[in-house]
Amino acid sequence: MALNLRLGPEAEAALRAEAERTGRSQQELLRAAVDQFLGIGDARAPQHEWDHLITSGKVLPPRGVYRKVVPTKTLPPGQHSSDLLDRDDRF
């Protein structure tokens, strides 16, 4: 069945990011989401290799949709974050 679907800007960005992150098509992700919502197909099959960690309670599920992080601070050239952690004046 062919279907036109209008998504809000936040859902569109999240879908695009998830498709890019996983290498799956947006269409494939939407089909899997609809199947899972309707309880059809093999709902027990993990969608990602880490799903078993979430279901076992070892890892908490994400609290929100994926957001690309934009750095707000930059270090001077030649300085690394590990340099900041190895300071002698830490408690």
PDB file of N, CA and C in Angstrom:
ATOM      1  N   MET A   1       0.841  -1.171   0.000  1.00  0.00           N
ATOM      2  CA  MET A   1       0.000   0.000   0.000  1.00  0.00           C
ATOM      3  C   MET A   1       0.888   1.237   0.000  1.00  0.00           C
ATOM      4  N   ALA A   2       0.584   2.163  -0.875  1.00  0.00           N
ATOM      5  CA  ALA A   2       1.308   3.434  -0.913  1.00  0.00           C
ATOM      6  C   ALA A   2       0.571   4.428  -0.027  1.00  0.00           C
ATOM      7  N   LEU A   3       1.351   5.292   0.631  1.00  0.00           N
ATOM      8  CA  LEU A   3       0.758   6.216   1.591  1.00  0.00           C
ATOM      9  C   LEU A   3       1.599   7.476   1.656  1.00  0.00           C
ATOM     10  N   ASN A   4       0.928   8.619   1.691  1.00  0.00           N
ATOM     11  CA  ASN A   4       1.634   9.874   1.943  1.00  0.00           C
ATOM     12  C   ASN A   4       1.516  10.176   3.422  1.00  0.00           C
ATOM     13  N   LEU A   5       2.611  10.590   4.031  1.00  0.00           N
ATOM     14  CA  LEU A   5       2.636  10.841   5.466  1.00  0.00           C
ATOM     15  C   LEU A   5       3.308  12.179   5.717  1.00  0.00           C
ATOM     16  N   ARG A   6       2.642  13.042   6.454  1.00  0.00           N
ATOM     17  CA  ARG A   6       3.226  14.331   6.802  1.00  0.00           C
ATOM     18  C   ARG A   6       3.688  14.274   8.251  1.00  0.00           C
ATOM     19  N   LEU A   7       4.966  14.497   8.447  1.00  0.00           N
ATOM     20  CA  LEU A   7       5.547  14.480   9.781  1.00  0.00           C
ATOM     21  C   LEU A   7       5.842  15.903  10.223  1.00  0.00           C
ATOM     22  N   GLY A   8       5.803  16.099  11.527  1.00  0.00           N
ATOM     23  CA  GLY A   8       6.214  17.374  12.075  1.00  0.00           C
ATOM     24  C   GLY A   8       7.722  17.524  11.936  1.00  0.00           C
ATOM     25  N   PRO A   9       8.219  18.738  12.081  1.00  0.00           N
ATOM     26  CA  PRO A   9       9.659  18.972  11.894  1.00  0.00           C
ATOM     27  C   PRO A   9      10.541  18.155  12.837  1.00  0.00           C
ATOM     28  N   GLU A  10      10.121  17.995  14.085  1.00  0.00           N
ATOM     29  CA  GLU A  10      10.925  17.235  15.048  1.00  0.00           C
ATOM     30  C   GLU A  10      10.981  15.755  14.672  1.00  0.00           C
ATOM     31  N   ALA A  11       9.822  15.193  14.287  1.00  0.00           N
ATOM     32  CA  ALA A  11       9.776  13.781  13.885  1.00  0.00           C
ATOM     33  C   ALA A  11      10.559  13.571  12.593  1.00  0.00           C
ATOM     34  N   GLU A  12      10.466  14.517  11.680  1.00  0.00           N
ATOM     35  CA  GLU A  12      11.208  14.402  10.421  1.00  0.00           C
ATOM     36  C   GLU A  12      12.715  14.397  10.679  1.00  0.00           C
ATOM     37  N   ALA A  13      13.177  15.294  11.528  1.00  0.00           N
ATOM     38  CA  ALA A  13      14.608  15.358  11.836  1.00  0.00           C
ATOM     39  C   ALA A  13      15.074  14.090  12.548  1.00  0.00           C
ATOM     40  N   ALA A  14      14.260  13.592  13.484  1.00  0.00           N
ATOM     41  CA  ALA A  14      14.623  12.377  14.218  1.00  0.00           C
ATOM     42  C   ALA A  14      14.665  11.173  13.282  1.00  0.00           C
ATOM     43  N   LEU A  15      13.702  11.079  12.375  1.00  0.00           N
ATOM     44  CA  LEU A  15      13.675   9.973  11.419  1.00  0.00           C
ATOM     45  C   LEU A  15      14.878  10.031  10.491  1.00  0.00           C
ATOM     46  N   ARG A  16      15.190  11.209  10.012  1.00  0.00           N
ATOM     47  CA  ARG A  16      16.336  11.380   9.126  1.00  0.00           C
ATOM     48  C   ARG A  16      17.636  11.003   9.845  1.00  0.00           C
ATOM     49  N   ALA A  17      17.778  11.439  11.088  1.00  0.00           N
ATOM     50  CA  ALA A  17      18.986  11.139  11.868  1.00  0.00           C
ATOM     51  C   ALA A  17      19.108   9.643  12.154  1.00  0.00           C
ATOM     52  N   GLU A  18      17.984   8.997  12.492  1.00  0.00           N
ATOM     53  CA  GLU A  18      18.016   7.557  12.778  1.00  0.00           C
ATOM     54  C   GLU A  18      18.360   6.767  11.520  1.00  0.00           C
ATOM     55  N   ALA A  19      17.830   7.184  10.387  1.00  0.00           N
ATOM     56  CA  ALA A  19      18.156   6.509   9.126  1.00  0.00           C
ATOM     57  C   ALA A  19      19.635   6.656   8.815  1.00  0.00           C
ATOM     58  N   GLU A  20      20.170   7.844   9.027  1.00  0.00           N
ATOM     59  CA  GLU A  20      21.599   8.072   8.776  1.00  0.00           C
ATOM     60  C   GLU A  20      22.455   7.271   9.754  1.00  0.00           C
ATOM     61  N   ARG A  21      22.042   7.247  11.019  1.00  0.00           N
ATOM     62  CA  ARG A  21      22.817   6.557  12.054  1.00  0.00           C
ATOM     63  C   ARG A  21      22.847   5.048  11.831  1.00  0.00           C
ATOM     64  N   THR A  22      21.696   4.480  11.443  1.00  0.00           N
ATOM     65  CA  THR A  22      21.601   3.032  11.322  1.00  0.00           C
ATOM     66  C   THR A  22      21.892   2.507   9.921  1.00  0.00           C
ATOM     67  N   GLY A  23      21.869   3.394   8.922  1.00  0.00           N
ATOM     68  CA  GLY A  23      22.072   2.945   7.554  1.00  0.00           C
ATOM     69  C   GLY A  23      20.835   2.303   6.950  1.00  0.00           C
ATOM     70  N   ARG A  24      19.712   2.404   7.654  1.00  0.00           N
ATOM     71  CA  ARG A  24      18.451   1.872   7.131  1.00  0.00           C
ATOM     72  C   ARG A  24      17.695   3.004   6.453  1.00  0.00           C
ATOM     73  N   SER A  25      16.804   2.660   5.517  1.00  0.00           N
ATOM     74  CA  SER A  25      16.031   3.694   4.840  1.00  0.00           C
ATOM     75  C   SER A  25      14.935   4.217   5.774  1.00  0.00           C
ATOM     76  N   GLN A  26      14.499   5.439   5.519  1.00  0.00           N
ATOM     77  CA  GLN A  26      13.411   6.012   6.305  1.00  0.00           C
ATOM     78  C   GLN A  26      12.154   5.163   6.155  1.00  0.00           C
ATOM     79  N   GLN A  27      11.920   4.663   4.968  1.00  0.00           N
ATOM     80  CA  GLN A  27      10.748   3.823   4.718  1.00  0.00           C
ATOM     81  C   GLN A  27      10.809   2.543   5.543  1.00  0.00           C
ATOM     82  N   GLU A  28      11.974   1.939   5.614  1.00  0.00           N
ATOM     83  CA  GLU A  28      12.145   0.715   6.401  1.00  0.00           C
ATOM     84  C   GLU A  28      11.888   0.991   7.886  1.00  0.00           C
ATOM     85  N   LEU A  29      12.394   2.112   8.387  1.00  0.00           N
ATOM     86  CA  LEU A  29      12.176   2.476   9.786  1.00  0.00           C
ATOM     87  C   LEU A  29      10.700   2.709  10.081  1.00  0.00           C
ATOM     88  N   LEU A  30      10.007   3.386   9.180  1.00  0.00           N
ATOM     89  CA  LEU A  30       8.576   3.641   9.388  1.00  0.00           C
ATOM     90  C   LEU A  30       7.760   2.350   9.345  1.00  0.00           C
ATOM     91  N   ARG A  31       8.105   1.451   8.415  1.00  0.00           N
ATOM     92  CA  ARG A  31       7.382   0.166   8.357  1.00  0.00           C
ATOM     93  C   ARG A  31       7.573  -0.615   9.655  1.00  0.00           C
ATOM     94  N   ALA A  32       8.813  -0.646  10.172  1.00  0.00           N
ATOM     95  CA  ALA A  32       9.080  -1.360  11.421  1.00  0.00           C
ATOM     96  C   ALA A  32       8.331  -0.723  12.592  1.00  0.00           C
ATOM     97  N   ALA A  33       8.256   0.607  12.616  1.00  0.00           N
ATOM     98  CA  ALA A  33       7.556   1.310  13.698  1.00  0.00           C
ATOM     99  C   ALA A  33       6.056   1.010  13.664  1.00  0.00           C
ATOM    100  N   VAL A  34       5.473   0.995  12.474  1.00  0.00           N
ATOM    101  CA  VAL A  34       4.046   0.687  12.346  1.00  0.00           C
ATOM    102  C   VAL A  34       3.781  -0.760  12.758  1.00  0.00           C
ATOM    103  N   ASP A  35       4.620  -1.687  12.300  1.00  0.00           N
ATOM    104  CA  ASP A  35       4.464  -3.093  12.685  1.00  0.00           C
ATOM    105  C   ASP A  35       4.544  -3.256  14.199  1.00  0.00           C
ATOM    106  N   GLN A  36       5.513  -2.589  14.813  1.00  0.00           N
ATOM    107  CA  GLN A  36       5.670  -2.695  16.267  1.00  0.00           C
ATOM    108  C   GLN A  36       4.465  -2.088  16.989  1.00  0.00           C
ATOM    109  N   PHE A  37       3.992  -0.939  16.532  1.00  0.00           N
ATOM    110  CA  PHE A  37       2.840  -0.288  17.152  1.00  0.00           C
ATOM    111  C   PHE A  37       1.589  -1.159  17.049  1.00  0.00           C
ATOM    112  N   LEU A  38       1.403  -1.809  15.910  1.00  0.00           N
ATOM    113  CA  LEU A  38       0.223  -2.644  15.695  1.00  0.00           C
ATOM    114  C   LEU A  38       0.378  -4.051  16.259  1.00  0.00           C
ATOM    115  N   GLY A  39       1.591  -4.395  16.680  1.00  0.00           N
ATOM    116  CA  GLY A  39       1.821  -5.715  17.257  1.00  0.00           C
ATOM    117  C   GLY A  39       1.829  -6.822  16.234  1.00  0.00           C
ATOM    118  N   ILE A  40       2.226  -6.514  15.020  1.00  0.00           N
ATOM    119  CA  ILE A  40       2.277  -7.538  13.980  1.00  0.00           C
ATOM    120  C   ILE A  40       3.737  -7.839  13.648  1.00  0.00           C
ATOM    121  N   GLY A  41       3.973  -8.929  12.960  1.00  0.00           N
ATOM    122  CA  GLY A  41       5.339  -9.345  12.673  1.00  0.00           C
ATOM    123  C   GLY A  41       5.933  -9.979  13.919  1.00  0.00           C
ATOM    124  N   ASP A  42       7.211 -10.117  13.925  1.00  0.00           N
ATOM    125  CA  ASP A  42       7.897 -10.703  15.075  1.00  0.00           C
ATOM    126  C   ASP A  42       8.292  -9.571  16.018  1.00  0.00           C
ATOM    127  N   ALA A  43       7.390  -9.213  16.915  1.00  0.00           N
ATOM    128  CA  ALA A  43       7.625  -8.108  17.844  1.00  0.00           C
ATOM    129  C   ALA A  43       8.748  -8.417  18.816  1.00  0.00           C
ATOM    130  N   ARG A  44       9.055  -9.703  19.002  1.00  0.00           N
ATOM    131  CA  ARG A  44      10.107 -10.074  19.949  1.00  0.00           C
ATOM    132  C   ARG A  44      11.496  -9.952  19.343  1.00  0.00           C
ATOM    133  N   ALA A  45      11.595  -9.852  18.030  1.00  0.00           N
ATOM    134  CA  ALA A  45      12.908  -9.765  17.390  1.00  0.00           C
ATOM    135  C   ALA A  45      13.538  -8.410  17.701  1.00  0.00           C
ATOM    136  N   PRO A  46      14.758  -8.407  18.170  1.00  0.00           N
ATOM    137  CA  PRO A  46      15.399  -7.133  18.476  1.00  0.00           C
ATOM    138  C   PRO A  46      15.624  -6.305  17.218  1.00  0.00           C
ATOM    139  N   GLN A  47      15.389  -5.018  17.304  1.00  0.00           N
ATOM    140  CA  GLN A  47      15.591  -4.125  16.179  1.00  0.00           C
ATOM    141  C   GLN A  47      17.050  -3.710  16.075  1.00  0.00           C
ATOM    142  N   HIS A  48      17.750  -3.682  17.199  1.00  0.00           N
ATOM    143  CA  HIS A  48      19.157  -3.291  17.234  1.00  0.00           C
ATOM    144  C   HIS A  48      19.916  -4.309  18.067  1.00  0.00           C
ATOM    145  N   GLU A  49      21.213  -4.341  17.868  1.00  0.00           N
ATOM    146  CA  GLU A  49      22.023  -5.316  18.589  1.00  0.00           C
ATOM    147  C   GLU A  49      22.073  -5.053  20.081  1.00  0.00           C
ATOM    148  N   TRP A  50      21.688  -3.859  20.534  1.00  0.00           N
ATOM    149  CA  TRP A  50      21.733  -3.548  21.967  1.00  0.00           C
ATOM    150  C   TRP A  50      20.373  -3.674  22.651  1.00  0.00           C
ATOM    151  N   ASP A  51      19.315  -4.039  21.927  1.00  0.00           N
ATOM    152  CA  ASP A  51      17.984  -4.157  22.527  1.00  0.00           C
ATOM    153  C   ASP A  51      17.954  -5.141  23.688  1.00  0.00           C
ATOM    154  N   HIS A  52      18.737  -6.223  23.607  1.00  0.00           N
ATOM    155  CA  HIS A  52      18.736  -7.195  24.699  1.00  0.00           C
ATOM    156  C   HIS A  52      19.281  -6.572  25.981  1.00  0.00           C
ATOM    157  N   LEU A  53      20.160  -5.589  25.869  1.00  0.00           N
ATOM    158  CA  LEU A  53      20.668  -4.903  27.055  1.00  0.00           C
ATOM    159  C   LEU A  53      19.581  -4.055  27.714  1.00  0.00           C
ATOM    160  N   ILE A  54      18.739  -3.450  26.901  1.00  0.00           N
ATOM    161  CA  ILE A  54      17.632  -2.642  27.436  1.00  0.00           C
ATOM    162  C   ILE A  54      16.605  -3.542  28.106  1.00  0.00           C
ATOM    163  N   THR A  55      16.222  -4.638  27.447  1.00  0.00           N
ATOM    164  CA  THR A  55      15.208  -5.517  28.024  1.00  0.00           C
ATOM    165  C   THR A  55      15.711  -6.222  29.275  1.00  0.00           C
ATOM    166  N   SER A  56      17.030  -6.442  29.391  1.00  0.00           N
ATOM    167  CA  SER A  56      17.568  -7.084  30.592  1.00  0.00           C
ATOM    168  C   SER A  56      17.728  -6.096  31.741  1.00  0.00           C
ATOM    169  N   GLY A  57      17.600  -4.801  31.457  1.00  0.00           N
ATOM    170  CA  GLY A  57      17.729  -3.798  32.505  1.00  0.00           C
ATOM    171  C   GLY A  57      19.155  -3.323  32.725  1.00  0.00           C
ATOM    172  N   LYS A  58      20.106  -3.815  31.938  1.00  0.00           N
ATOM    173  CA  LYS A  58      21.494  -3.389  32.094  1.00  0.00           C
ATOM    174  C   LYS A  58      21.727  -1.978  31.561  1.00  0.00           C
ATOM    175  N   VAL A  59      20.910  -1.579  30.591  1.00  0.00           N
ATOM    176  CA  VAL A  59      21.016  -0.253  29.993  1.00  0.00           C
ATOM    177  C   VAL A  59      19.627   0.370  29.991  1.00  0.00           C
ATOM    178  N   LEU A  60      19.546   1.638  30.363  1.00  0.00           N
ATOM    179  CA  LEU A  60      18.256   2.328  30.348  1.00  0.00           C
ATOM    180  C   LEU A  60      17.915   2.740  28.921  1.00  0.00           C
ATOM    181  N   PRO A  61      16.635   2.709  28.559  1.00  0.00           N
ATOM    182  CA  PRO A  61      16.256   3.155  27.214  1.00  0.00           C
ATOM    183  C   PRO A  61      16.453   4.665  27.100  1.00  0.00           C
ATOM    184  N   PRO A  62      16.557   5.193  25.890  1.00  0.00           N
ATOM    185  CA  PRO A  62      16.741   6.629  25.732  1.00  0.00           C
ATOM    186  C   PRO A  62      15.552   7.406  26.287  1.00  0.00           C
ATOM    187  N   ARG A  63      15.822   8.575  26.863  1.00  0.00           N
ATOM    188  CA  ARG A  63      14.764   9.402  27.438  1.00  0.00           C
ATOM    189  C   ARG A  63      14.146  10.340  26.427  1.00  0.00           C
ATOM    190  N   GLY A  64      14.763  10.496  25.294  1.00  0.00           N
ATOM    191  CA  GLY A  64      14.249  11.404  24.274  1.00  0.00           C
ATOM    192  C   GLY A  64      14.742  10.990  22.910  1.00  0.00           C
ATOM    193  N   VAL A  65      14.316  11.747  21.918  1.00  0.00           N
ATOM    194  CA  VAL A  65      14.729  11.437  20.557  1.00  0.00           C
ATOM    195  C   VAL A  65      16.172  11.865  20.357  1.00  0.00           C
ATOM    196  N   TYR A  66      16.787  11.297  19.367  1.00  0.00           N
ATOM    197  CA  TYR A  66      18.178  11.612  19.045  1.00  0.00           C
ATOM    198  C   TYR A  66      18.303  13.076  18.655  1.00  0.00           C
ATOM    199  N   ARG A  67      19.286  13.756  19.230  1.00  0.00           N
ATOM    200  CA  ARG A  67      19.597  15.129  18.849  1.00  0.00           C
ATOM    201  C   ARG A  67      21.081  15.204  18.546  1.00  0.00           C
ATOM    202  N   LYS A  68      21.411  15.834  17.443  1.00  0.00           N
ATOM    203  CA  LYS A  68      22.816  16.013  17.114  1.00  0.00           C
ATOM    204  C   LYS A  68      23.381  17.071  18.055  1.00  0.00           C
ATOM    205  N   VAL A  69      24.494  16.758  18.694  1.00  0.00           N
ATOM    206  CA  VAL A  69      25.100  17.666  19.656  1.00  0.00           C
ATOM    207  C   VAL A  69      26.057  18.601  18.937  1.00  0.00           C
ATOM    208  N   VAL A  70      25.902  19.879  19.202  1.00  0.00           N
ATOM    209  CA  VAL A  70      26.790  20.885  18.641  1.00  0.00           C
ATOM    210  C   VAL A  70      27.692  21.370  19.768  1.00  0.00           C
ATOM    211  N   PRO A  71      29.013  21.230  19.625  1.00  0.00           N
ATOM    212  CA  PRO A  71      29.916  21.655  20.689  1.00  0.00           C
ATOM    213  C   PRO A  71      29.770  23.149  20.967  1.00  0.00           C
ATOM    214  N   THR A  72      29.791  23.505  22.249  1.00  0.00           N
ATOM    215  CA  THR A  72      29.693  24.917  22.622  1.00  0.00           C
ATOM    216  C   THR A  72      31.037  25.485  23.033  1.00  0.00           C
ATOM    217  N   LYS A  73      31.990  24.644  23.320  1.00  0.00           N
ATOM    218  CA  LYS A  73      33.330  25.075  23.725  1.00  0.00           C
ATOM    219  C   LYS A  73      34.360  24.407  22.825  1.00  0.00           C
ATOM    220  N   THR A  74      35.429  25.114  22.578  1.00  0.00           N
ATOM    221  CA  THR A  74      36.532  24.528  21.826  1.00  0.00           C
ATOM    222  C   THR A  74      37.822  24.745  22.610  1.00  0.00           C
ATOM    223  N   LEU A  75      38.696  23.792  22.509  1.00  0.00           N
ATOM    224  CA  LEU A  75      39.989  23.872  23.182  1.00  0.00           C
ATOM    225  C   LEU A  75      40.999  24.542  22.265  1.00  0.00           C
ATOM    226  N   PRO A  76      41.999  25.184  22.854  1.00  0.00           N
ATOM    227  CA  PRO A  76      43.048  25.790  22.029  1.00  0.00           C
ATOM    228  C   PRO A  76      43.776  24.717  21.221  1.00  0.00           C
ATOM    229  N   PRO A  77      44.360  25.106  20.108  1.00  0.00           N
ATOM    230  CA  PRO A  77      45.108  24.134  19.293  1.00  0.00           C
ATOM    231  C   PRO A  77      46.206  23.460  20.118  1.00  0.00           C
ATOM    232  N   GLY A  78      46.306  22.155  19.972  1.00  0.00           N
ATOM    233  CA  GLY A  78      47.319  21.393  20.682  1.00  0.00           C
ATOM    234  C   GLY A  78      46.885  20.911  22.054  1.00  0.00           C
ATOM    235  N   GLN A  79      45.746  21.362  22.556  1.00  0.00           N
ATOM    236  CA  GLN A  79      45.261  20.913  23.866  1.00  0.00           C
ATOM    237  C   GLN A  79      44.151  19.889  23.658  1.00  0.00           C
ATOM    238  N   HIS A  80      44.160  18.838  24.482  1.00  0.00           N
ATOM    239  CA  HIS A  80      43.173  17.774  24.386  1.00  0.00           C
ATOM    240  C   HIS A  80      42.408  17.670  25.688  1.00  0.00           C
ATOM    241  N   SER A  81      41.231  17.085  25.647  1.00  0.00           N
ATOM    242  CA  SER A  81      40.430  16.944  26.862  1.00  0.00           C
ATOM    243  C   SER A  81      41.142  16.093  27.904  1.00  0.00           C
ATOM    244  N   SER A  82      41.976  15.160  27.474  1.00  0.00           N
ATOM    245  CA  SER A  82      42.717  14.344  28.439  1.00  0.00           C
ATOM    246  C   SER A  82      43.714  15.196  29.225  1.00  0.00           C
ATOM    247  N   ASP A  83      44.209  16.273  28.620  1.00  0.00           N
ATOM    248  CA  ASP A  83      45.096  17.182  29.344  1.00  0.00           C
ATOM    249  C   ASP A  83      44.367  17.818  30.521  1.00  0.00           C
ATOM    250  N   LEU A  84      43.092  18.083  30.362  1.00  0.00           N
ATOM    251  CA  LEU A  84      42.310  18.705  31.427  1.00  0.00           C
ATOM    252  C   LEU A  84      42.054  17.731  32.564  1.00  0.00           C
ATOM    253  N   LEU A  85      41.988  16.451  32.272  1.00  0.00           N
ATOM    254  CA  LEU A  85      41.694  15.444  33.297  1.00  0.00           C
ATOM    255  C   LEU A  85      42.912  15.067  34.103  1.00  0.00           C
ATOM    256  N   ASP A  86      44.087  15.288  33.584  1.00  0.00           N
ATOM    257  CA  ASP A  86      45.319  14.876  34.254  1.00  0.00           C
ATOM    258  C   ASP A  86      45.990  16.011  35.025  1.00  0.00           C
ATOM    259  N   ARG A  87      45.199  16.924  35.500  1.00  0.00           N
ATOM    260  CA  ARG A  87      45.759  18.068  36.220  1.00  0.00           C
ATOM    261  C   ARG A  87      46.122  17.667  37.651  1.00  0.00           C
ATOM    262  N   ASP A  88      47.184  18.279  38.178  1.00  0.00           N
ATOM    263  CA  ASP A  88      47.640  17.982  39.535  1.00  0.00           C
ATOM    264  C   ASP A  88      46.828  18.697  40.610  1.00  0.00           C
ATOM    265  N   ASP A  89      46.115  19.748  40.230  1.00  0.00           N
ATOM    266  CA  ASP A  89      45.390  20.527  41.242  1.00  0.00           C
ATOM    267  C   ASP A  89      43.954  20.043  41.478  1.00  0.00           C
ATOM    268  N   ARG A  90      43.645  18.849  40.986  1.00  0.00           N
ATOM    269  CA  ARG A  90      42.313  18.279  41.249  1.00  0.00           C
ATOM    270  C   ARG A  90      42.249  17.721  42.660  1.00  0.00           C
ATOM    271  N   PHE A  91      41.081  17.632  43.204  1.00  0.00           N
ATOM    272  CA  PHE A  91      40.914  17.052  44.543  1.00  0.00           C
ATOM    273  C   PHE A  91      40.967  15.552  44.487  1.00  0.00           C
TER     274      PHE A  91
END
